[in-house]
Amino acid sequence: MKRIIKNSLVLFVASFLFFQCSESEPVAEEEHGHEKEAHGEHTEEESEEGVVELSGVQLSAADLQYGELGSLNLSAYVKANGVLDLPPQNLAAVSAPSDGFVRKANYLVGDYVQKGTVLAVLENMDYVQFQEEYQQVLSNLSYLEAEYQRQRRLDSAQVSSKKQFQIATAAYENARSRKKALEEQLRYLGISPAQVAGGNISRTIAVRAPLSGYITKLNVHNGEFASSEQELYELADTRHMHLELNVFEQDANKVKIGQPIRFTVPSMAGEVYEGEVFLVGKAFDPENKTVKVHGHIEGEHPDFIRGLYVEAKIYTGKEQVQALPVEAVVEDEGKSYIFILTDDVHEEGEGQEAGEHGTSFRRVQVTTGETDQGFVEITQMPDLPAGAQIVTKGAYYLIAEMKKGEGGHHH
């Protein structure tokens, strides 16, 4: 009997729990339905991709300006690269006129020297031998000249043989030739023949600057033996620095003498400098597929250094292209975009006052070309509605607002 009562009690409790669960299921389903409905409402509130909406307050703060895609005459140019260089007459490799030991080396790389400045002093006993030989030739020449004059008089009077006069003439002419040769050798060494003739003999010579300019190389020091084949110094007169440019073969026929050049030196903060085409090379480099163009530098510029790399544009004329102000185009993740004003007008929403409407802008991807004088060429873009108003100022404000909107929808 007790077992029957116990089983009946268990059955009653189980039935009660079953009915309680059945009543709670609709509530759960109802809550789940509300969640779906809420999620659906959120999806409808998300803004259309590529469209940004500004309130009246935002629109006023953005200070946007509008315009239409137009045709402009932009400067046509060809790109070139090269180096800053000097003409051959503005460079000098300085070596010793004759072998010798360096007694004194003056100046350092970067020093500016005037033409004729003593750069180094060399010493060698061979210099003394040249001077001694010159003095001997001078002494013999006086005797040989006197003998030549005597034999000429005798020959005129037919007193002596013709052979004696010829011997005297040959000896005298040989001595004169030797004198001239030694004088040239002394001058080449930087020694004055007049001083040697006066009895002044020196065992040193001076190495002098052949032009005014900066010392760009130094390969000498005191006590070193300097060979006449060795370059001791290099001098550069930078007053006539020019552009040595390389133009690719497909652009070479567009380049003419007198065309303006604008160039930058990347290692010097990218400042733009002016120049002009002076010569167009007539030789083609088959390895690099380029032609040399020589350009003169114009206007104010700093003291350029020979050999610096330059990037240049050679302006070849004008061409008509579709273009927009540079401010109208924005870059985002490696792509170029513009914004156009749409016809969408939205009712007031959260954060807007009654009667205030939002203004929408649509982002449009474009492909850009060359940039010149504040305008950028538009080479490719989708068809726009007739009279479409393009945001020409404030596009970066719009892209920033769009980024904010995209960031707000992440979960």
Protein backbone atom coordinates (compact mmCIF):
# COMPACT_ATOMS: atom_id res chain seq x y z
CA MET A 1 0.00 0.00 0.00
CA LYS A 2 2.82 2.42 0.85
CA ARG A 3 4.52 1.60 -2.47
CA ILE A 4 1.33 2.50 -4.41
CA ILE A 5 1.04 5.88 -2.63
CA LYS A 6 4.74 6.63 -3.31
CA ASN A 7 4.43 5.88 -7.04
CA SER A 8 1.33 8.07 -7.31
CA LEU A 9 3.20 10.97 -5.70
CA VAL A 10 6.11 10.71 -8.18
CA LEU A 11 3.69 10.65 -11.13
CA PHE A 12 1.95 13.80 -9.84
CA VAL A 13 5.21 15.77 -9.49
CA ALA A 14 6.37 14.79 -13.00
CA SER A 15 3.06 15.92 -14.51
CA PHE A 16 3.30 19.27 -12.73
CA LEU A 17 6.82 19.95 -14.08
CA PHE A 18 5.78 19.03 -17.64
CA PHE A 19 2.96 21.60 -17.68
CA GLN A 20 5.27 24.31 -16.27
CA CYS A 21 7.84 23.76 -19.09
CA SER A 22 5.10 23.82 -21.72
CA GLU A 23 3.93 27.22 -20.52
CA SER A 24 7.46 28.71 -20.57
CA GLU A 25 8.30 27.74 -24.21
CA PRO A 26 6.11 30.41 -25.87
CA VAL A 27 7.82 33.04 -23.74
CA ALA A 28 11.25 31.92 -24.97
CA GLU A 29 10.04 31.83 -28.55
CA GLU A 30 8.54 35.29 -28.13
CA GLU A 31 11.83 36.65 -26.77
CA HIS A 32 13.72 35.04 -29.66
CA GLY A 33 11.29 36.63 -32.09
CA HIS A 34 11.88 40.05 -30.56
CA GLU A 35 15.64 39.52 -30.90
CA LYS A 36 15.23 38.71 -34.60
CA GLU A 37 13.04 41.76 -35.06
CA ALA A 38 15.57 43.97 -33.30
CA HIS A 39 18.38 42.58 -35.45
CA GLY A 40 16.33 43.23 -38.57
CA GLU A 41 15.77 46.82 -37.54
CA HIS A 42 19.52 47.29 -37.00
CA THR A 43 20.25 45.96 -40.49
CA GLU A 44 17.83 48.43 -42.00
CA GLU A 45 19.56 51.29 -40.15
CA GLU A 46 23.00 50.52 -41.61
CA SER A 47 24.03 53.05 -44.24
CA GLU A 48 24.44 52.13 -47.87
CA GLU A 49 28.02 51.16 -48.73
CA GLY A 50 30.02 54.03 -50.30
CA VAL A 51 27.54 56.69 -49.15
CA VAL A 52 28.09 59.18 -46.35
CA GLU A 53 25.41 61.47 -44.93
CA LEU A 54 26.09 64.80 -43.24
CA SER A 55 23.74 66.72 -41.01
CA GLY A 56 23.25 70.43 -41.50
CA VAL A 57 25.70 71.17 -38.69
CA GLN A 58 28.33 68.85 -40.18
CA LEU A 59 27.78 70.29 -43.65
CA SER A 60 28.40 73.78 -42.35
CA ALA A 61 31.55 72.71 -40.52
CA ALA A 62 32.92 70.86 -43.56
CA ASP A 63 32.84 73.99 -45.76
CA LEU A 64 32.56 71.87 -48.90
CA GLN A 65 32.97 73.23 -52.40
CA TYR A 66 31.58 71.72 -55.60
CA GLY A 67 32.43 71.66 -59.27
CA GLU A 68 32.15 69.61 -62.43
CA LEU A 69 34.66 67.50 -64.31
CA GLY A 70 36.21 69.75 -66.92
CA SER A 71 38.81 69.82 -69.67
CA LEU A 72 42.02 71.69 -68.96
CA ASN A 73 45.22 72.35 -70.84
CA LEU A 74 47.80 70.70 -68.63
CA SER A 75 51.50 70.81 -69.37
CA ALA A 76 52.71 67.74 -71.22
CA TYR A 77 56.11 66.49 -70.16
CA VAL A 78 58.43 63.53 -70.29
CA LYS A 79 60.13 62.12 -67.23
CA ALA A 80 63.89 61.80 -67.03
CA ASN A 81 66.53 61.02 -64.46
CA GLY A 82 70.23 61.60 -64.27
CA VAL A 83 72.95 63.34 -62.28
CA LEU A 84 74.42 66.76 -61.63
CA ASP A 85 77.65 67.06 -63.57
CA LEU A 86 80.31 69.48 -64.76
CA PRO A 87 81.74 70.12 -68.24
CA PRO A 88 85.25 68.73 -68.82
CA GLN A 89 86.86 72.18 -68.69
CA ASN A 90 85.58 72.65 -65.14
CA LEU A 91 87.32 69.55 -63.79
CA ALA A 92 91.04 69.08 -63.25
CA ALA A 93 93.09 66.10 -62.14
CA VAL A 94 96.30 67.44 -60.61
CA SER A 95 99.47 65.34 -60.71
CA ALA A 96 103.17 66.00 -60.19
CA PRO A 97 105.01 67.28 -63.29
CA SER A 98 107.90 64.99 -62.34
CA ASP A 99 108.57 62.28 -59.78
CA GLY A 100 109.49 63.51 -56.33
CA PHE A 101 109.03 63.23 -52.59
CA VAL A 102 106.26 65.27 -50.99
CA ARG A 103 107.84 67.80 -48.66
CA LYS A 104 104.58 69.60 -47.89
CA ALA A 105 100.93 68.90 -48.77
CA ASN A 106 98.48 71.75 -48.32
CA TYR A 107 94.68 71.89 -48.05
CA LEU A 108 91.95 69.31 -47.52
CA VAL A 109 88.94 68.00 -49.42
CA GLY A 110 86.30 70.71 -49.53
CA ASP A 111 88.76 73.62 -49.47
CA TYR A 112 88.34 76.27 -52.14
CA VAL A 113 91.54 77.36 -53.88
CA GLN A 114 92.35 79.99 -56.47
CA LYS A 115 94.11 79.24 -59.73
CA GLY A 116 97.89 79.15 -59.16
CA THR A 117 97.66 78.27 -55.46
CA VAL A 118 100.49 75.97 -54.28
CA LEU A 119 98.86 72.66 -53.40
CA ALA A 120 102.02 70.70 -52.60
CA VAL A 121 105.82 71.02 -52.64
CA LEU A 122 107.94 68.18 -54.10
CA GLU A 123 111.66 67.53 -53.72
CA ASN A 124 114.07 65.61 -55.98
CA MET A 125 117.74 66.00 -56.95
CA ASP A 126 116.79 65.38 -60.58
CA TYR A 127 115.40 68.91 -60.61
CA VAL A 128 118.90 70.18 -59.82
CA GLN A 129 120.37 68.29 -62.78
CA PHE A 130 117.95 69.94 -65.20
CA GLN A 131 119.01 73.36 -63.95
CA GLU A 132 122.74 72.57 -64.08
CA GLU A 133 122.42 71.36 -67.66
CA TYR A 134 120.62 74.55 -68.59
CA GLN A 135 123.42 76.68 -67.13
CA GLN A 136 126.01 74.66 -69.07
CA VAL A 137 124.09 75.10 -72.32
CA LEU A 138 123.93 78.85 -71.71
CA SER A 139 127.70 78.99 -71.19
CA ASN A 140 128.47 76.94 -74.32
CA LEU A 141 125.97 78.90 -76.35
CA SER A 142 127.92 82.13 -75.87
CA TYR A 143 131.10 80.51 -77.21
CA LEU A 144 129.30 78.73 -80.08
CA GLU A 145 127.55 81.93 -81.13
CA ALA A 146 130.87 83.80 -81.25
CA GLU A 147 132.48 81.00 -83.28
CA TYR A 148 129.52 80.94 -85.66
CA GLN A 149 129.81 84.70 -86.28
CA ARG A 150 133.59 84.39 -86.88
CA GLN A 151 133.22 81.52 -89.35
CA ARG A 152 130.47 83.38 -91.20
CA ARG A 153 132.73 86.39 -91.71
CA LEU A 154 135.57 84.17 -92.89
CA ASP A 155 133.25 82.33 -95.24
CA SER A 156 132.01 85.61 -96.68
CA ALA A 157 135.62 86.66 -97.31
CA GLN A 158 136.34 83.18 -98.71
CA VAL A 159 139.27 82.89 -96.33
CA SER A 160 138.29 79.57 -94.66
CA SER A 161 136.79 76.39 -96.01
CA LYS A 162 133.05 75.94 -96.37
CA LYS A 163 133.17 72.89 -94.12
CA GLN A 164 134.40 74.86 -91.10
CA PHE A 165 131.50 77.29 -91.44
CA GLN A 166 129.01 74.42 -91.69
CA ILE A 167 130.40 72.77 -88.53
CA ALA A 168 130.17 76.03 -86.59
CA THR A 169 126.62 76.63 -87.84
CA ALA A 170 125.44 73.13 -86.82
CA ALA A 171 126.96 73.38 -83.34
CA TYR A 172 125.40 76.77 -82.75
CA GLU A 173 121.91 75.72 -83.93
CA ASN A 174 122.04 72.54 -81.83
CA ALA A 175 122.91 74.56 -78.74
CA ARG A 176 120.05 76.97 -79.38
CA SER A 177 117.60 74.08 -79.77
CA ARG A 178 118.85 72.47 -76.58
CA LYS A 179 118.46 75.77 -74.74
CA LYS A 180 114.82 76.09 -75.85
CA ALA A 181 114.07 72.48 -74.90
CA LEU A 182 115.54 72.89 -71.42
CA GLU A 183 113.62 76.13 -70.91
CA GLU A 184 110.36 74.35 -71.70
CA GLN A 185 111.25 71.55 -69.30
CA LEU A 186 112.01 74.05 -66.55
CA ARG A 187 108.75 75.92 -67.15
CA TYR A 188 106.87 72.61 -67.05
CA LEU A 189 108.42 71.95 -63.64
CA GLY A 190 107.41 75.42 -62.53
CA ILE A 191 110.99 76.71 -62.46
CA SER A 192 111.84 80.09 -63.98
CA PRO A 193 114.65 79.86 -66.61
CA ALA A 194 115.57 83.46 -65.85
CA GLN A 195 116.21 82.62 -62.19
CA VAL A 196 118.35 79.64 -63.15
CA ALA A 197 120.27 81.81 -65.62
CA GLY A 198 120.90 84.19 -62.73
CA GLY A 199 122.44 81.38 -60.68
CA ASN A 200 119.44 80.39 -58.52
CA ILE A 201 119.08 76.60 -58.37
CA SER A 202 116.38 74.84 -56.31
CA ARG A 203 115.78 71.19 -55.51
CA THR A 204 112.05 71.70 -54.94
CA ILE A 205 109.13 72.41 -57.21
CA ALA A 206 105.56 73.52 -56.49
CA VAL A 207 102.39 71.74 -57.61
CA ARG A 208 99.88 74.50 -58.39
CA ALA A 209 96.12 74.59 -58.93
CA PRO A 210 95.35 74.78 -62.68
CA LEU A 211 91.94 76.39 -62.02
CA SER A 212 89.89 77.96 -59.26
CA GLY A 213 87.59 75.50 -57.54
CA TYR A 214 86.96 73.08 -54.71
CA ILE A 215 89.24 70.18 -53.84
CA THR A 216 87.13 67.06 -54.35
CA LYS A 217 89.86 64.39 -54.08
CA LEU A 218 93.10 64.18 -52.11
CA ASN A 219 95.63 61.36 -52.60
CA VAL A 220 98.82 62.72 -51.06
CA HIS A 221 100.53 63.20 -47.70
CA ASN A 222 103.90 64.43 -46.44
CA GLY A 223 106.89 62.16 -47.11
CA GLU A 224 105.14 60.16 -49.81
CA PHE A 225 106.87 59.50 -53.13
CA ALA A 226 104.65 61.01 -55.80
CA SER A 227 104.84 59.62 -59.31
CA SER A 228 104.08 61.82 -62.29
CA GLU A 229 101.39 59.27 -63.23
CA GLN A 230 99.67 59.60 -59.84
CA GLU A 231 96.64 61.88 -59.33
CA LEU A 232 97.35 63.98 -56.24
CA TYR A 233 94.27 66.23 -56.24
CA GLU A 234 91.02 66.70 -58.11
CA LEU A 235 89.58 70.19 -58.48
CA ALA A 236 86.05 71.11 -59.51
CA ASP A 237 84.80 74.53 -60.56
CA THR A 238 81.11 74.23 -59.64
CA ARG A 239 80.02 77.52 -61.19
CA HIS A 240 78.82 75.76 -64.34
CA MET A 241 77.00 72.75 -62.89
CA HIS A 242 74.58 71.19 -65.38
CA LEU A 243 72.08 68.36 -65.72
CA GLU A 244 73.10 65.15 -67.45
CA LEU A 245 69.74 63.43 -68.04
CA ASN A 246 68.65 60.12 -69.53
CA VAL A 247 65.47 60.14 -71.65
CA PHE A 248 63.88 56.89 -72.77
CA GLU A 249 63.80 56.14 -76.48
CA GLN A 250 60.01 56.53 -76.85
CA ASP A 251 60.25 60.10 -75.50
CA ALA A 252 63.48 61.22 -77.17
CA ASN A 253 61.77 62.68 -80.27
CA LYS A 254 59.62 64.95 -78.05
CA VAL A 255 62.61 66.72 -76.48
CA LYS A 256 63.85 69.91 -78.16
CA ILE A 257 66.48 72.51 -77.37
CA GLY A 258 65.09 75.35 -75.27
CA GLN A 259 62.33 73.37 -73.53
CA PRO A 260 61.95 74.13 -69.80
CA ILE A 261 63.02 71.61 -67.17
CA ARG A 262 61.85 71.26 -63.59
CA PHE A 263 63.91 68.94 -61.43
CA THR A 264 64.39 67.82 -57.85
CA VAL A 265 67.37 66.44 -55.96
CA PRO A 266 65.88 63.75 -53.66
CA SER A 267 68.78 64.01 -51.23
CA MET A 268 68.16 67.76 -50.80
CA ALA A 269 64.60 67.82 -49.37
CA GLY A 270 62.86 67.65 -52.73
CA GLU A 271 62.98 71.39 -53.56
CA VAL A 272 62.01 72.09 -57.20
CA TYR A 273 64.59 73.86 -59.39
CA GLU A 274 64.45 75.24 -62.92
CA GLY A 275 66.50 74.48 -66.02
CA GLU A 276 66.47 74.39 -69.81
CA VAL A 277 67.39 71.85 -72.47
CA PHE A 278 70.72 72.90 -74.00
CA LEU A 279 71.74 69.84 -76.02
CA VAL A 280 70.04 66.62 -77.12
CA GLY A 281 72.40 63.71 -77.65
CA LYS A 282 72.72 62.03 -81.03
CA ALA A 283 73.86 58.67 -79.65
CA PHE A 284 71.57 55.91 -78.40
CA ASP A 285 72.45 53.72 -75.43
CA PRO A 286 71.24 50.23 -76.44
CA GLU A 287 71.75 48.82 -72.96
CA ASN A 288 69.62 51.35 -71.07
CA LYS A 289 67.42 52.32 -74.06
CA THR A 290 68.07 56.02 -73.42
CA VAL A 291 69.36 59.19 -75.05
CA LYS A 292 71.48 61.77 -73.22
CA VAL A 293 70.06 65.27 -72.68
CA HIS A 294 72.24 68.13 -71.44
CA GLY A 295 70.41 70.81 -69.45
CA HIS A 296 71.51 74.16 -68.06
CA ILE A 297 70.44 75.12 -64.53
CA GLU A 298 68.68 78.46 -64.13
CA GLY A 299 67.58 80.65 -61.24
CA GLU A 300 68.65 80.57 -57.62
CA HIS A 301 69.94 77.29 -56.25
CA PRO A 302 72.29 76.05 -53.51
CA ASP A 303 75.83 74.83 -54.11
CA PHE A 304 75.10 71.53 -55.80
CA ILE A 305 77.45 68.59 -55.47
CA ARG A 306 78.62 66.83 -58.59
CA GLY A 307 77.23 63.33 -59.01
CA LEU A 308 73.99 63.76 -57.03
CA TYR A 309 70.97 61.93 -58.47
CA VAL A 310 68.17 64.06 -59.92
CA GLU A 311 64.61 63.44 -61.11
CA ALA A 312 63.37 65.77 -63.84
CA LYS A 313 60.39 66.67 -66.01
CA ILE A 314 61.03 68.12 -69.46
CA TYR A 315 57.98 70.12 -70.56
CA THR A 316 57.19 69.47 -74.19
CA GLY A 317 53.96 71.47 -74.63
CA LYS A 318 50.29 71.48 -73.66
CA GLU A 319 47.58 68.82 -73.99
CA GLN A 320 43.85 68.84 -73.17
CA VAL A 321 42.78 66.32 -70.54
CA GLN A 322 39.95 65.77 -68.07
CA ALA A 323 41.10 67.03 -64.70
CA LEU A 324 40.02 67.97 -61.19
CA PRO A 325 41.68 69.93 -58.41
CA VAL A 326 44.10 67.79 -56.43
CA GLU A 327 41.96 68.27 -53.29
CA ALA A 328 39.02 66.56 -54.99
CA VAL A 329 40.76 63.16 -55.08
CA VAL A 330 41.40 61.13 -51.93
CA GLU A 331 43.44 57.97 -51.48
CA ASP A 332 42.13 55.04 -49.47
CA GLU A 333 43.76 51.61 -49.29
CA GLY A 334 45.70 52.18 -52.50
CA LYS A 335 42.70 53.39 -54.52
CA SER A 336 41.62 56.86 -55.65
CA TYR A 337 38.13 58.23 -55.02
CA ILE A 338 36.00 61.32 -55.54
CA PHE A 339 32.68 62.22 -53.91
CA ILE A 340 29.57 63.39 -55.74
CA LEU A 341 26.50 65.06 -54.28
CA THR A 342 23.50 62.73 -54.52
CA ASP A 343 19.81 63.60 -54.82
CA ASP A 344 18.98 61.70 -51.63
CA VAL A 345 17.37 63.83 -48.89
CA HIS A 346 16.64 62.16 -45.54
CA GLU A 347 14.21 63.15 -42.82
CA GLU A 348 15.52 64.36 -39.52
CA GLY A 349 17.00 61.65 -37.38
CA GLU A 350 18.66 61.23 -34.04
CA GLY A 351 20.90 64.18 -33.25
CA GLN A 352 19.13 66.45 -35.78
CA GLU A 353 16.69 69.20 -35.01
CA ALA A 354 13.11 69.14 -36.26
CA GLY A 355 12.87 70.12 -39.92
CA GLU A 356 16.59 69.47 -40.52
CA HIS A 357 17.50 67.12 -43.35
CA GLY A 358 20.70 65.17 -44.10
CA THR A 359 22.72 65.51 -47.31
CA SER A 360 24.25 62.43 -48.92
CA PHE A 361 27.46 61.99 -50.89
CA ARG A 362 28.45 58.94 -52.90
CA ARG A 363 32.02 57.73 -53.23
CA VAL A 364 33.20 57.00 -56.80
CA GLN A 365 36.43 55.22 -57.67
CA VAL A 366 38.60 56.86 -60.35
CA THR A 367 41.98 56.34 -61.99
CA THR A 368 44.36 59.29 -61.97
CA GLY A 369 47.18 60.34 -64.28
CA GLU A 370 49.72 63.12 -64.10
CA THR A 371 49.58 66.01 -61.63
CA ASP A 372 50.49 69.55 -62.62
CA GLN A 373 49.98 73.00 -61.10
CA GLY A 374 47.34 71.93 -58.58
CA PHE A 375 45.29 69.70 -60.91
CA VAL A 376 45.27 65.95 -61.41
CA GLU A 377 44.36 64.17 -64.62
CA ILE A 378 41.38 61.77 -64.46
CA THR A 379 42.10 58.99 -66.93
CA GLN A 380 39.24 56.63 -66.04
CA MET A 381 35.95 56.92 -64.14
CA PRO A 382 32.38 55.57 -64.41
CA ASP A 383 29.70 57.59 -66.19
CA LEU A 384 28.24 60.27 -63.94
CA PRO A 385 24.77 61.83 -64.16
CA ALA A 386 24.61 64.95 -66.30
CA GLY A 387 25.67 67.98 -64.27
CA ALA A 388 26.87 65.86 -61.35
CA GLN A 389 28.31 68.02 -58.59
CA ILE A 390 31.74 66.79 -57.53
CA VAL A 391 33.19 67.74 -54.16
CA THR A 392 36.30 69.74 -55.08
CA LYS A 393 37.17 70.77 -51.53
CA GLY A 394 36.55 68.80 -48.36
CA ALA A 395 36.77 65.27 -49.77
CA TYR A 396 39.08 64.24 -46.94
CA TYR A 397 36.45 65.31 -44.43
CA LEU A 398 33.93 63.04 -46.14
CA ILE A 399 36.25 60.03 -46.21
CA ALA A 400 36.95 60.55 -42.50
CA GLU A 401 33.22 60.64 -41.69
CA MET A 402 32.69 57.52 -43.77
CA LYS A 403 35.43 55.72 -41.82
CA LYS A 404 33.72 56.70 -38.58
CA GLY A 405 30.45 55.24 -39.83
CA GLU A 406 32.09 51.99 -40.90
CA GLY A 407 33.80 51.69 -37.52
CA GLY A 408 30.49 52.11 -35.66
CA HIS A 409 28.91 49.02 -37.25
CA HIS A 410 31.50 46.52 -36.13
CA HIS A 411 30.39 44.00 -33.48
